[in-house]
Amino acid sequence: KNPVKVNAVRAGFAAAFPLTALEVVAYDIPSGVSDQPWGEAETRQGALNRAENCLGAHCLGHGGAMPDFAVGVEGGVAECSLSSLHPGTPGLDSCTECFAFLAVMRSP
């Protein structure tokens, strides 16, 4: 129930559906990946796992009722190299970047 993630999802859906009253329900769902995912593949998998598990948690907590959407948000890190973008600038051979994946599932 990370408030930053919840507020980002709320803001995104409010922008996408400005005339719709929204109910955002947050669940404390494990991602099934490392505590700090490394690389795009692991981070993407964590977001997908969270979305799928949120869908299941909502159904369990609401008598089988499906939500309109289930969202998983996962932050990750990876090594990067900026030297190709800024040739001649020292210290850019190796860096670490952070990013997030969002998986949005729509109920059938």
PDB file of N, CA and C in Angstrom:
ATOM      1  N   LYS A   1       0.834  -1.197   0.000  1.00  0.00           N
ATOM      2  CA  LYS A   1       0.000   0.000   0.000  1.00  0.00           C
ATOM      3  C   LYS A   1       0.872   1.252   0.000  1.00  0.00           C
ATOM      4  N   ASN A   2       1.872   1.246  -0.852  1.00  0.00           N
ATOM      5  CA  ASN A   2       2.764   2.387  -0.984  1.00  0.00           C
ATOM      6  C   ASN A   2       1.957   3.611  -1.438  1.00  0.00           C
ATOM      7  N   PRO A   3       1.906   4.670  -0.610  1.00  0.00           N
ATOM      8  CA  PRO A   3       1.073   5.820  -0.968  1.00  0.00           C
ATOM      9  C   PRO A   3       1.521   6.520  -2.252  1.00  0.00           C
ATOM     10  N   VAL A   4       2.798   6.491  -2.574  1.00  0.00           N
ATOM     11  CA  VAL A   4       3.261   7.106  -3.817  1.00  0.00           C
ATOM     12  C   VAL A   4       2.695   6.342  -5.014  1.00  0.00           C
ATOM     13  N   LYS A   5       2.735   5.015  -4.950  1.00  0.00           N
ATOM     14  CA  LYS A   5       2.200   4.194  -6.038  1.00  0.00           C
ATOM     15  C   LYS A   5       0.686   4.357  -6.150  1.00  0.00           C
ATOM     16  N   VAL A   6       0.003   4.345  -5.015  1.00  0.00           N
ATOM     17  CA  VAL A   6      -1.461   4.483  -5.018  1.00  0.00           C
ATOM     18  C   VAL A   6      -1.868   5.832  -5.601  1.00  0.00           C
ATOM     19  N   ASN A   7      -1.193   6.898  -5.187  1.00  0.00           N
ATOM     20  CA  ASN A   7      -1.534   8.229  -5.694  1.00  0.00           C
ATOM     21  C   ASN A   7      -1.216   8.368  -7.179  1.00  0.00           C
ATOM     22  N   ALA A   8      -0.152   7.722  -7.648  1.00  0.00           N
ATOM     23  CA  ALA A   8       0.166   7.757  -9.072  1.00  0.00           C
ATOM     24  C   ALA A   8      -0.918   7.058  -9.889  1.00  0.00           C
ATOM     25  N   VAL A   9      -1.380   5.915  -9.404  1.00  0.00           N
ATOM     26  CA  VAL A   9      -2.456   5.196 -10.097  1.00  0.00           C
ATOM     27  C   VAL A   9      -3.728   6.037 -10.088  1.00  0.00           C
ATOM     28  N   ARG A  10      -4.050   6.608  -8.949  1.00  0.00           N
ATOM     29  CA  ARG A  10      -5.256   7.446  -8.839  1.00  0.00           C
ATOM     30  C   ARG A  10      -5.171   8.624  -9.816  1.00  0.00           C
ATOM     31  N   ALA A  11      -4.036   9.305  -9.866  1.00  0.00           N
ATOM     32  CA  ALA A  11      -3.876  10.458 -10.757  1.00  0.00           C
ATOM     33  C   ALA A  11      -3.975  10.040 -12.225  1.00  0.00           C
ATOM     34  N   GLY A  12      -3.376   8.915 -12.562  1.00  0.00           N
ATOM     35  CA  GLY A  12      -3.441   8.437 -13.939  1.00  0.00           C
ATOM     36  C   GLY A  12      -4.855   8.105 -14.383  1.00  0.00           C
ATOM     37  N   PHE A  13      -5.592   7.409 -13.529  1.00  0.00           N
ATOM     38  CA  PHE A  13      -6.972   7.054 -13.879  1.00  0.00           C
ATOM     39  C   PHE A  13      -7.876   8.285 -13.883  1.00  0.00           C
ATOM     40  N   ALA A  14      -7.624   9.238 -12.991  1.00  0.00           N
ATOM     41  CA  ALA A  14      -8.410  10.474 -12.982  1.00  0.00           C
ATOM     42  C   ALA A  14      -8.192  11.256 -14.273  1.00  0.00           C
ATOM     43  N   ALA A  15      -6.955  11.248 -14.782  1.00  0.00           N
ATOM     44  CA  ALA A  15      -6.674  11.931 -16.039  1.00  0.00           C
ATOM     45  C   ALA A  15      -7.301  11.197 -17.220  1.00  0.00           C
ATOM     46  N   ALA A  16      -7.299   9.863 -17.178  1.00  0.00           N
ATOM     47  CA  ALA A  16      -7.855   9.067 -18.275  1.00  0.00           C
ATOM     48  C   ALA A  16      -9.379   9.064 -18.285  1.00  0.00           C
ATOM     49  N   PHE A  17      -9.980   9.171 -17.105  1.00  0.00           N
ATOM     50  CA  PHE A  17     -11.439   9.110 -16.965  1.00  0.00           C
ATOM     51  C   PHE A  17     -11.928  10.299 -16.139  1.00  0.00           C
ATOM     52  N   PRO A  18     -11.803  11.529 -16.675  1.00  0.00           N
ATOM     53  CA  PRO A  18     -12.080  12.727 -15.871  1.00  0.00           C
ATOM     54  C   PRO A  18     -13.536  12.871 -15.417  1.00  0.00           C
ATOM     55  N   LEU A  19     -14.461  12.230 -16.070  1.00  0.00           N
ATOM     56  CA  LEU A  19     -15.877  12.375 -15.708  1.00  0.00           C
ATOM     57  C   LEU A  19     -16.404  11.209 -14.893  1.00  0.00           C
ATOM     58  N   THR A  20     -15.509  10.333 -14.454  1.00  0.00           N
ATOM     59  CA  THR A  20     -15.912   9.125 -13.746  1.00  0.00           C
ATOM     60  C   THR A  20     -15.506   9.202 -12.280  1.00  0.00           C
ATOM     61  N   ALA A  21     -16.441   8.855 -11.397  1.00  0.00           N
ATOM     62  CA  ALA A  21     -16.101   8.752  -9.974  1.00  0.00           C
ATOM     63  C   ALA A  21     -15.260   7.493  -9.798  1.00  0.00           C
ATOM     64  N   LEU A  22     -14.106   7.657  -9.174  1.00  0.00           N
ATOM     65  CA  LEU A  22     -13.179   6.536  -9.036  1.00  0.00           C
ATOM     66  C   LEU A  22     -13.149   6.009  -7.617  1.00  0.00           C
ATOM     67  N   GLU A  23     -13.036   4.707  -7.507  1.00  0.00           N
ATOM     68  CA  GLU A  23     -12.754   4.063  -6.229  1.00  0.00           C
ATOM     69  C   GLU A  23     -11.465   3.265  -6.428  1.00  0.00           C
ATOM     70  N   VAL A  24     -10.411   3.708  -5.757  1.00  0.00           N
ATOM     71  CA  VAL A  24      -9.125   3.030  -5.849  1.00  0.00           C
ATOM     72  C   VAL A  24      -8.922   2.254  -4.557  1.00  0.00           C
ATOM     73  N   VAL A  25      -8.781   0.951  -4.680  1.00  0.00           N
ATOM     74  CA  VAL A  25      -8.586   0.080  -3.521  1.00  0.00           C
ATOM     75  C   VAL A  25      -7.163  -0.462  -3.595  1.00  0.00           C
ATOM     76  N   ALA A  26      -6.395  -0.246  -2.534  1.00  0.00           N
ATOM     77  CA  ALA A  26      -5.004  -0.689  -2.518  1.00  0.00           C
ATOM     78  C   ALA A  26      -4.875  -1.992  -1.729  1.00  0.00           C
ATOM     79  N   TYR A  27      -4.010  -2.858  -2.218  1.00  0.00           N
ATOM     80  CA  TYR A  27      -3.732  -4.127  -1.556  1.00  0.00           C
ATOM     81  C   TYR A  27      -2.234  -4.253  -1.335  1.00  0.00           C
ATOM     82  N   ASP A  28      -1.862  -4.828  -0.211  1.00  0.00           N
ATOM     83  CA  ASP A  28      -0.458  -5.111   0.078  1.00  0.00           C
ATOM     84  C   ASP A  28      -0.150  -6.477  -0.526  1.00  0.00           C
ATOM     85  N   ILE A  29       0.350  -6.469  -1.744  1.00  0.00           N
ATOM     86  CA  ILE A  29       0.510  -7.684  -2.540  1.00  0.00           C
ATOM     87  C   ILE A  29       1.994  -7.922  -2.813  1.00  0.00           C
ATOM     88  N   PRO A  30       2.489  -9.130  -2.583  1.00  0.00           N
ATOM     89  CA  PRO A  30       3.888  -9.399  -2.934  1.00  0.00           C
ATOM     90  C   PRO A  30       4.078  -9.420  -4.455  1.00  0.00           C
ATOM     91  N   SER A  31       5.280  -9.030  -4.869  1.00  0.00           N
ATOM     92  CA  SER A  31       5.563  -8.982  -6.302  1.00  0.00           C
ATOM     93  C   SER A  31       6.058 -10.319  -6.846  1.00  0.00           C
ATOM     94  N   GLY A  32       6.580 -11.174  -5.960  1.00  0.00           N
ATOM     95  CA  GLY A  32       7.123 -12.443  -6.420  1.00  0.00           C
ATOM     96  C   GLY A  32       8.497 -12.324  -7.050  1.00  0.00           C
ATOM     97  N   VAL A  33       9.107 -11.141  -6.955  1.00  0.00           N
ATOM     98  CA  VAL A  33      10.468 -10.939  -7.448  1.00  0.00           C
ATOM     99  C   VAL A  33      11.316 -10.406  -6.296  1.00  0.00           C
ATOM    100  N   SER A  34      12.569 -10.114  -6.556  1.00  0.00           N
ATOM    101  CA  SER A  34      13.470  -9.601  -5.522  1.00  0.00           C
ATOM    102  C   SER A  34      12.913  -8.330  -4.884  1.00  0.00           C
ATOM    103  N   ASP A  35      13.336  -8.070  -3.638  1.00  0.00           N
ATOM    104  CA  ASP A  35      12.917  -6.836  -2.977  1.00  0.00           C
ATOM    105  C   ASP A  35      13.313  -5.614  -3.799  1.00  0.00           C
ATOM    106  N   GLN A  36      14.467  -5.669  -4.436  1.00  0.00           N
ATOM    107  CA  GLN A  36      14.891  -4.621  -5.370  1.00  0.00           C
ATOM    108  C   GLN A  36      15.148  -5.264  -6.722  1.00  0.00           C
ATOM    109  N   PRO A  37      14.137  -5.260  -7.592  1.00  0.00           N
ATOM    110  CA  PRO A  37      14.308  -5.892  -8.899  1.00  0.00           C
ATOM    111  C   PRO A  37      15.448  -5.249  -9.690  1.00  0.00           C
ATOM    112  N   TRP A  38      16.210  -6.098 -10.377  1.00  0.00           N
ATOM    113  CA  TRP A  38      17.343  -5.641 -11.164  1.00  0.00           C
ATOM    114  C   TRP A  38      17.068  -5.953 -12.627  1.00  0.00           C
ATOM    115  N   GLY A  39      16.956  -4.920 -13.441  1.00  0.00           N
ATOM    116  CA  GLY A  39      16.744  -5.097 -14.871  1.00  0.00           C
ATOM    117  C   GLY A  39      15.270  -5.016 -15.251  1.00  0.00           C
ATOM    118  N   GLU A  40      15.068  -4.815 -16.544  1.00  0.00           N
ATOM    119  CA  GLU A  40      13.707  -4.626 -17.048  1.00  0.00           C
ATOM    120  C   GLU A  40      12.843  -5.873 -16.922  1.00  0.00           C
ATOM    121  N   ALA A  41      13.399  -7.035 -17.210  1.00  0.00           N
ATOM    122  CA  ALA A  41      12.590  -8.258 -17.205  1.00  0.00           C
ATOM    123  C   ALA A  41      12.039  -8.561 -15.819  1.00  0.00           C
ATOM    124  N   GLU A  42      12.877  -8.485 -14.799  1.00  0.00           N
ATOM    125  CA  GLU A  42      12.424  -8.787 -13.440  1.00  0.00           C
ATOM    126  C   GLU A  42      11.427  -7.739 -12.953  1.00  0.00           C
ATOM    127  N   THR A  43      11.684  -6.479 -13.288  1.00  0.00           N
ATOM    128  CA  THR A  43      10.785  -5.403 -12.862  1.00  0.00           C
ATOM    129  C   THR A  43       9.424  -5.537 -13.537  1.00  0.00           C
ATOM    130  N   ARG A  44       9.428  -5.826 -14.825  1.00  0.00           N
ATOM    131  CA  ARG A  44       8.173  -6.025 -15.567  1.00  0.00           C
ATOM    132  C   ARG A  44       7.389  -7.198 -14.984  1.00  0.00           C
ATOM    133  N   GLN A  45       8.092  -8.291 -14.675  1.00  0.00           N
ATOM    134  CA  GLN A  45       7.421  -9.459 -14.093  1.00  0.00           C
ATOM    135  C   GLN A  45       6.797  -9.113 -12.753  1.00  0.00           C
ATOM    136  N   GLY A  46       7.493  -8.318 -11.945  1.00  0.00           N
ATOM    137  CA  GLY A  46       6.939  -7.897 -10.660  1.00  0.00           C
ATOM    138  C   GLY A  46       5.646  -7.110 -10.816  1.00  0.00           C
ATOM    139  N   ALA A  47       5.602  -6.215 -11.805  1.00  0.00           N
ATOM    140  CA  ALA A  47       4.385  -5.435 -12.053  1.00  0.00           C
ATOM    141  C   ALA A  47       3.243  -6.336 -12.508  1.00  0.00           C
ATOM    142  N   LEU A  48       3.545  -7.274 -13.399  1.00  0.00           N
ATOM    143  CA  LEU A  48       2.513  -8.218 -13.864  1.00  0.00           C
ATOM    144  C   LEU A  48       1.996  -9.074 -12.713  1.00  0.00           C
ATOM    145  N   ASN A  49       2.917  -9.574 -11.893  1.00  0.00           N
ATOM    146  CA  ASN A  49       2.508 -10.396 -10.745  1.00  0.00           C
ATOM    147  C   ASN A  49       1.608  -9.607  -9.806  1.00  0.00           C
ATOM    148  N   ARG A  50       1.979  -8.362  -9.538  1.00  0.00           N
ATOM    149  CA  ARG A  50       1.168  -7.539  -8.631  1.00  0.00           C
ATOM    150  C   ARG A  50      -0.235  -7.301  -9.199  1.00  0.00           C
ATOM    151  N   ALA A  51      -0.318  -7.011 -10.496  1.00  0.00           N
ATOM    152  CA  ALA A  51      -1.632  -6.778 -11.105  1.00  0.00           C
ATOM    153  C   ALA A  51      -2.499  -8.028 -11.018  1.00  0.00           C
ATOM    154  N   GLU A  52      -1.932  -9.179 -11.351  1.00  0.00           N
ATOM    155  CA  GLU A  52      -2.691 -10.434 -11.280  1.00  0.00           C
ATOM    156  C   GLU A  52      -3.124 -10.737  -9.847  1.00  0.00           C
ATOM    157  N   ASN A  53      -2.220 -10.524  -8.887  1.00  0.00           N
ATOM    158  CA  ASN A  53      -2.547 -10.808  -7.489  1.00  0.00           C
ATOM    159  C   ASN A  53      -3.548  -9.808  -6.915  1.00  0.00           C
ATOM    160  N   CYS A  54      -3.506  -8.567  -7.394  1.00  0.00           N
ATOM    161  CA  CYS A  54      -4.518  -7.586  -6.968  1.00  0.00           C
ATOM    162  C   CYS A  54      -5.900  -7.985  -7.478  1.00  0.00           C
ATOM    163  N   LEU A  55      -5.944  -8.477  -8.699  1.00  0.00           N
ATOM    164  CA  LEU A  55      -7.207  -8.949  -9.259  1.00  0.00           C
ATOM    165  C   LEU A  55      -7.792 -10.050  -8.380  1.00  0.00           C
ATOM    166  N   GLY A  56      -6.951 -11.020  -8.012  1.00  0.00           N
ATOM    167  CA  GLY A  56      -7.413 -12.107  -7.147  1.00  0.00           C
ATOM    168  C   GLY A  56      -7.811 -11.636  -5.762  1.00  0.00           C
ATOM    169  N   ALA A  57      -7.021 -10.724  -5.174  1.00  0.00           N
ATOM    170  CA  ALA A  57      -7.342 -10.214  -3.835  1.00  0.00           C
ATOM    171  C   ALA A  57      -8.662  -9.455  -3.840  1.00  0.00           C
ATOM    172  N   HIS A  58      -8.906  -8.704  -4.886  1.00  0.00           N
ATOM    173  CA  HIS A  58     -10.166  -7.969  -4.964  1.00  0.00           C
ATOM    174  C   HIS A  58     -11.347  -8.939  -5.049  1.00  0.00           C
ATOM    175  N   CYS A  59     -11.222  -9.944  -5.884  1.00  0.00           N
ATOM    176  CA  CYS A  59     -12.306 -10.929  -6.022  1.00  0.00           C
ATOM    177  C   CYS A  59     -12.579 -11.630  -4.693  1.00  0.00           C
ATOM    178  N   LEU A  60     -11.511 -12.011  -3.990  1.00  0.00           N
ATOM    179  CA  LEU A  60     -11.683 -12.671  -2.690  1.00  0.00           C
ATOM    180  C   LEU A  60     -12.346 -11.766  -1.673  1.00  0.00           C
ATOM    181  N   GLY A  61     -11.977 -10.499  -1.691  1.00  0.00           N
ATOM    182  CA  GLY A  61     -12.517  -9.565  -0.703  1.00  0.00           C
ATOM    183  C   GLY A  61     -13.868  -8.978  -1.046  1.00  0.00           C
ATOM    184  N   HIS A  62     -14.348  -9.230  -2.262  1.00  0.00           N
ATOM    185  CA  HIS A  62     -15.616  -8.644  -2.701  1.00  0.00           C
ATOM    186  C   HIS A  62     -16.572  -9.695  -3.256  1.00  0.00           C
ATOM    187  N   GLY A  63     -16.576 -10.864  -2.646  1.00  0.00           N
ATOM    188  CA  GLY A  63     -17.537 -11.904  -3.013  1.00  0.00           C
ATOM    189  C   GLY A  63     -17.441 -12.354  -4.453  1.00  0.00           C
ATOM    190  N   GLY A  64     -16.254 -12.340  -5.020  1.00  0.00           N
ATOM    191  CA  GLY A  64     -16.077 -12.773  -6.402  1.00  0.00           C
ATOM    192  C   GLY A  64     -16.246 -11.673  -7.424  1.00  0.00           C
ATOM    193  N   ALA A  65     -16.641 -10.471  -6.982  1.00  0.00           N
ATOM    194  CA  ALA A  65     -16.832  -9.363  -7.922  1.00  0.00           C
ATOM    195  C   ALA A  65     -15.489  -8.925  -8.495  1.00  0.00           C
ATOM    196  N   MET A  66     -15.458  -8.793  -9.807  1.00  0.00           N
ATOM    197  CA  MET A  66     -14.237  -8.380 -10.495  1.00  0.00           C
ATOM    198  C   MET A  66     -14.136  -6.849 -10.498  1.00  0.00           C
ATOM    199  N   PRO A  67     -12.930  -6.314 -10.332  1.00  0.00           N
ATOM    200  CA  PRO A  67     -12.754  -4.869 -10.484  1.00  0.00           C
ATOM    201  C   PRO A  67     -12.751  -4.518 -11.972  1.00  0.00           C
ATOM    202  N   ASP A  68     -12.959  -3.255 -12.289  1.00  0.00           N
ATOM    203  CA  ASP A  68     -12.860  -2.843 -13.688  1.00  0.00           C
ATOM    204  C   ASP A  68     -11.423  -2.976 -14.186  1.00  0.00           C
ATOM    205  N   PHE A  69     -10.473  -2.610 -13.313  1.00  0.00           N
ATOM    206  CA  PHE A  69      -9.059  -2.682 -13.643  1.00  0.00           C
ATOM    207  C   PHE A  69      -8.286  -3.166 -12.429  1.00  0.00           C
ATOM    208  N   ALA A  70      -7.158  -3.798 -12.685  1.00  0.00           N
ATOM    209  CA  ALA A  70      -6.206  -4.143 -11.632  1.00  0.00           C
ATOM    210  C   ALA A  70      -4.842  -3.644 -12.106  1.00  0.00           C
ATOM    211  N   VAL A  71      -4.135  -2.973 -11.208  1.00  0.00           N
ATOM    212  CA  VAL A  71      -2.876  -2.331 -11.578  1.00  0.00           C
ATOM    213  C   VAL A  71      -1.761  -2.833 -10.670  1.00  0.00           C
ATOM    214  N   GLY A  72      -0.632  -3.140 -11.258  1.00  0.00           N
ATOM    215  CA  GLY A  72       0.569  -3.477 -10.509  1.00  0.00           C
ATOM    216  C   GLY A  72       1.658  -2.484 -10.850  1.00  0.00           C
ATOM    217  N   VAL A  73       2.337  -1.972  -9.837  1.00  0.00           N
ATOM    218  CA  VAL A  73       3.424  -1.017 -10.037  1.00  0.00           C
ATOM    219  C   VAL A  73       4.675  -1.594  -9.392  1.00  0.00           C
ATOM    220  N   GLU A  74       5.758  -1.634 -10.141  1.00  0.00           N
ATOM    221  CA  GLU A  74       7.019  -2.166  -9.613  1.00  0.00           C
ATOM    222  C   GLU A  74       8.167  -1.269 -10.049  1.00  0.00           C
ATOM    223  N   GLY A  75       8.974  -0.859  -9.087  1.00  0.00           N
ATOM    224  CA  GLY A  75      10.169  -0.074  -9.380  1.00  0.00           C
ATOM    225  C   GLY A  75      11.375  -0.975  -9.483  1.00  0.00           C
ATOM    226  N   GLY A  76      12.290  -0.630 -10.363  1.00  0.00           N
ATOM    227  CA  GLY A  76      13.487  -1.429 -10.541  1.00  0.00           C
ATOM    228  C   GLY A  76      14.696  -0.568 -10.842  1.00  0.00           C
ATOM    229  N   VAL A  77      15.853  -1.198 -10.883  1.00  0.00           N
ATOM    230  CA  VAL A  77      17.103  -0.519 -11.219  1.00  0.00           C
ATOM    231  C   VAL A  77      17.863  -1.350 -12.249  1.00  0.00           C
ATOM    232  N   ALA A  78      18.759  -0.686 -12.970  1.00  0.00           N
ATOM    233  CA  ALA A  78      19.598  -1.367 -13.949  1.00  0.00           C
ATOM    234  C   ALA A  78      20.848  -0.525 -14.192  1.00  0.00           C
ATOM    235  N   GLU A  79      21.876  -1.188 -14.655  1.00  0.00           N
ATOM    236  CA  GLU A  79      23.084  -0.459 -15.047  1.00  0.00           C
ATOM    237  C   GLU A  79      22.844   0.199 -16.390  1.00  0.00           C
ATOM    238  N   CYS A  80      23.470   1.344 -16.569  1.00  0.00           N
ATOM    239  CA  CYS A  80      23.361   2.042 -17.839  1.00  0.00           C
ATOM    240  C   CYS A  80      24.710   2.661 -18.167  1.00  0.00           C
ATOM    241  N   SER A  81      24.846   3.103 -19.378  1.00  0.00           N
ATOM    242  CA  SER A  81      26.057   3.789 -19.805  1.00  0.00           C
ATOM    243  C   SER A  81      25.644   5.023 -20.582  1.00  0.00           C
ATOM    244  N   LEU A  82      26.065   6.163 -20.104  1.00  0.00           N
ATOM    245  CA  LEU A  82      25.748   7.414 -20.778  1.00  0.00           C
ATOM    246  C   LEU A  82      26.897   7.905 -21.646  1.00  0.00           C
ATOM    247  N   SER A  83      27.998   7.172 -21.644  1.00  0.00           N
ATOM    248  CA  SER A  83      29.169   7.626 -22.386  1.00  0.00           C
ATOM    249  C   SER A  83      28.896   7.746 -23.882  1.00  0.00           C
ATOM    250  N   SER A  84      28.019   6.912 -24.432  1.00  0.00           N
ATOM    251  CA  SER A  84      27.713   7.011 -25.862  1.00  0.00           C
ATOM    252  C   SER A  84      26.880   8.258 -26.172  1.00  0.00           C
ATOM    253  N   LEU A  85      26.122   8.731 -25.207  1.00  0.00           N
ATOM    254  CA  LEU A  85      25.317   9.942 -25.404  1.00  0.00           C
ATOM    255  C   LEU A  85      26.127  11.211 -25.174  1.00  0.00           C
ATOM    256  N   HIS A  86      27.142  11.101 -24.325  1.00  0.00           N
ATOM    257  CA  HIS A  86      27.962  12.267 -23.974  1.00  0.00           C
ATOM    258  C   HIS A  86      29.437  11.908 -24.088  1.00  0.00           C
ATOM    259  N   PRO A  87      29.920  11.658 -25.304  1.00  0.00           N
ATOM    260  CA  PRO A  87      31.310  11.246 -25.473  1.00  0.00           C
ATOM    261  C   PRO A  87      32.272  12.313 -24.955  1.00  0.00           C
ATOM    262  N   GLY A  88      33.305  11.852 -24.293  1.00  0.00           N
ATOM    263  CA  GLY A  88      34.318  12.758 -23.778  1.00  0.00           C
ATOM    264  C   GLY A  88      34.050  13.263 -22.375  1.00  0.00           C
ATOM    265  N   THR A  89      32.854  13.006 -21.836  1.00  0.00           N
ATOM    266  CA  THR A  89      32.550  13.434 -20.473  1.00  0.00           C
ATOM    267  C   THR A  89      32.989  12.332 -19.521  1.00  0.00           C
ATOM    268  N   PRO A  90      33.923  12.644 -18.630  1.00  0.00           N
ATOM    269  CA  PRO A  90      34.415  11.597 -17.727  1.00  0.00           C
ATOM    270  C   PRO A  90      33.360  11.164 -16.711  1.00  0.00           C
ATOM    271  N   GLY A  91      33.465   9.901 -16.284  1.00  0.00           N
ATOM    272  CA  GLY A  91      32.599   9.384 -15.227  1.00  0.00           C
ATOM    273  C   GLY A  91      31.267   8.830 -15.677  1.00  0.00           C
ATOM    274  N   LEU A  92      31.041   8.773 -16.975  1.00  0.00           N
ATOM    275  CA  LEU A  92      29.736   8.298 -17.468  1.00  0.00           C
ATOM    276  C   LEU A  92      29.791   6.881 -18.018  1.00  0.00           C
ATOM    277  N   ASP A  93      30.888   6.179 -17.772  1.00  0.00           N
ATOM    278  CA  ASP A  93      31.004   4.824 -18.301  1.00  0.00           C
ATOM    279  C   ASP A  93      29.977   3.883 -17.699  1.00  0.00           C
ATOM    280  N   SER A  94      29.667   4.065 -16.433  1.00  0.00           N
ATOM    281  CA  SER A  94      28.720   3.185 -15.779  1.00  0.00           C
ATOM    282  C   SER A  94      27.878   3.991 -14.802  1.00  0.00           C
ATOM    283  N   CYS A  95      26.607   3.756 -14.817  1.00  0.00           N
ATOM    284  CA  CYS A  95      25.703   4.429 -13.891  1.00  0.00           C
ATOM    285  C   CYS A  95      24.559   3.473 -13.568  1.00  0.00           C
ATOM    286  N   THR A  96      23.756   3.853 -12.644  1.00  0.00           N
ATOM    287  CA  THR A  96      22.575   3.073 -12.289  1.00  0.00           C
ATOM    288  C   THR A  96      21.348   3.932 -12.541  1.00  0.00           C
ATOM    289  N   GLU A  97      20.376   3.375 -13.230  1.00  0.00           N
ATOM    290  CA  GLU A  97      19.132   4.100 -13.479  1.00  0.00           C
ATOM    291  C   GLU A  97      17.997   3.428 -12.729  1.00  0.00           C
ATOM    292  N   CYS A  98      17.031   4.221 -12.354  1.00  0.00           N
ATOM    293  CA  CYS A  98      15.837   3.660 -11.717  1.00  0.00           C
ATOM    294  C   CYS A  98      14.636   3.956 -12.608  1.00  0.00           C
ATOM    295  N   PHE A  99      13.658   3.091 -12.555  1.00  0.00           N
ATOM    296  CA  PHE A  99      12.483   3.190 -13.418  1.00  0.00           C
ATOM    297  C   PHE A  99      11.364   2.374 -12.797  1.00  0.00           C
ATOM    298  N   ALA A 100      10.204   2.448 -13.391  1.00  0.00           N
ATOM    299  CA  ALA A 100       9.072   1.652 -12.908  1.00  0.00           C
ATOM    300  C   ALA A 100       8.299   1.110 -14.105  1.00  0.00           C
ATOM    301  N   PHE A 101       7.680  -0.035 -13.897  1.00  0.00           N
ATOM    302  CA  PHE A 101       6.740  -0.614 -14.853  1.00  0.00           C
ATOM    303  C   PHE A 101       5.364  -0.614 -14.208  1.00  0.00           C
ATOM    304  N   LEU A 102       4.359  -0.352 -15.008  1.00  0.00           N
ATOM    305  CA  LEU A 102       2.966  -0.459 -14.579  1.00  0.00           C
ATOM    306  C   LEU A 102       2.296  -1.497 -15.450  1.00  0.00           C
ATOM    307  N   ALA A 103       1.612  -2.427 -14.839  1.00  0.00           N
ATOM    308  CA  ALA A 103       0.830  -3.411 -15.578  1.00  0.00           C
ATOM    309  C   ALA A 103      -0.633  -3.130 -15.252  1.00  0.00           C
ATOM    310  N   VAL A 104      -1.417  -2.912 -16.277  1.00  0.00           N
ATOM    311  CA  VAL A 104      -2.844  -2.624 -16.104  1.00  0.00           C
ATOM    312  C   VAL A 104      -3.627  -3.739 -16.751  1.00  0.00           C
ATOM    313  N   MET A 105      -4.439  -4.403 -15.949  1.00  0.00           N
ATOM    314  CA  MET A 105      -5.277  -5.488 -16.454  1.00  0.00           C
ATOM    315  C   MET A 105      -6.740  -5.049 -16.389  1.00  0.00           C
ATOM    316  N   ARG A 106      -7.439  -5.285 -17.440  1.00  0.00           N
ATOM    317  CA  ARG A 106      -8.871  -4.969 -17.488  1.00  0.00           C
ATOM    318  C   ARG A 106      -9.649  -6.256 -17.303  1.00  0.00           C
ATOM    319  N   SER A 107     -10.651  -6.207 -16.454  1.00  0.00           N
ATOM    320  CA  SER A 107     -11.464  -7.398 -16.230  1.00  0.00           C
ATOM    321  C   SER A 107     -12.235  -7.757 -17.487  1.00  0.00           C
ATOM    322  N   PRO A 108     -12.430  -9.064 -17.696  1.00  0.00           N
ATOM    323  CA  PRO A 108     -13.174  -9.498 -18.892  1.00  0.00           C
ATOM    324  C   PRO A 108     -14.630  -9.096 -18.828  1.00  0.00           C
TER     325      PRO A 108
END
